[in-house]
Protein backbone atom coordinates (compact mmCIF):
# COMPACT_ATOMS: atom_id res chain seq x y z
CA MET A 1 0.00 0.00 0.00
CA ASP A 2 1.42 3.35 -1.05
CA ALA A 3 2.07 5.53 2.01
CA LYS A 4 0.97 8.71 0.23
CA LEU A 5 -2.34 7.12 -0.77
CA LEU A 6 -2.89 5.94 2.81
CA GLU A 7 -2.42 9.52 4.02
CA ILE A 8 -5.16 10.73 1.66
CA LEU A 9 -7.75 7.99 2.15
CA VAL A 10 -10.27 8.22 4.98
CA CYS A 11 -13.20 6.11 6.09
CA PRO A 12 -16.16 6.85 3.81
CA LEU A 13 -18.53 6.74 6.80
CA CYS A 14 -16.87 8.74 9.59
CA LYS A 15 -14.04 10.40 7.60
CA GLY A 16 -11.58 9.07 10.17
CA PRO A 17 -8.08 7.70 9.54
CA LEU A 18 -7.45 4.21 8.23
CA VAL A 19 -4.84 1.64 9.23
CA PHE A 20 -3.32 -0.75 6.69
CA ASP A 21 -3.50 -4.43 7.69
CA LYS A 22 -0.91 -6.08 5.46
CA THR A 23 -1.80 -9.68 6.37
CA ARG A 24 -5.49 -9.29 5.51
CA GLN A 25 -4.94 -6.72 2.74
CA GLU A 26 -7.50 -4.37 4.28
CA LEU A 27 -7.78 -0.76 5.31
CA ILE A 28 -9.20 -0.71 8.85
CA CYS A 29 -11.35 2.00 10.40
CA LYS A 30 -10.91 1.64 14.15
CA ALA A 31 -13.86 3.93 14.98
CA ASP A 32 -16.41 2.00 12.88
CA ARG A 33 -14.66 -1.40 13.24
CA LEU A 34 -14.78 -1.98 9.49
CA GLY A 35 -12.23 -3.52 7.14
CA PHE A 36 -12.23 -2.28 3.55
CA PRO A 37 -10.66 -4.83 1.17
CA ILE A 38 -7.78 -4.12 -1.18
CA ARG A 39 -8.17 -6.07 -4.42
CA ASP A 40 -5.40 -6.09 -7.02
CA GLY A 41 -3.80 -3.16 -5.21
CA ILE A 42 -6.98 -1.04 -5.33
CA PRO A 43 -8.83 -0.14 -2.11
CA THR A 44 -12.56 -0.85 -2.28
CA MET A 45 -14.01 1.97 -0.20
CA LEU A 46 -17.67 0.94 -0.31
CA GLU A 47 -19.67 0.34 2.85
CA THR A 48 -21.38 -2.64 1.20
CA GLU A 49 -17.99 -4.30 0.57
CA ALA A 50 -16.59 -3.66 4.06
CA ARG A 51 -16.14 -6.44 6.58
CA GLU A 52 -17.41 -5.84 10.10
CA LEU A 53 -14.69 -6.61 12.60
CA PRO A 54 -15.82 -8.87 15.44
CA ALA A 55 -15.64 -7.36 18.93
CA ASP A 56 -12.94 -9.85 19.94
CA GLU A 57 -10.69 -9.17 16.92
CA GLU A 58 -7.63 -7.12 17.79
CA ILE A 59 -6.98 -4.14 15.56
CA LYS A 60 -3.32 -3.78 14.71
CA ALA A 61 -1.87 -0.29 14.69
């Protein structure tokens, strides 16, 4: 994930910052507990495509 792109992208719901999870290839919004998938190097920033993070799943910084 390009660091400059990560600085620009925000959560489409709350406009908060996102964290890149390299192992899952997701951009994580800690506030909304959503994981937005990255497919073929392109972030999919749609609420309908986001994965809800379970309450017991640790969010990596």
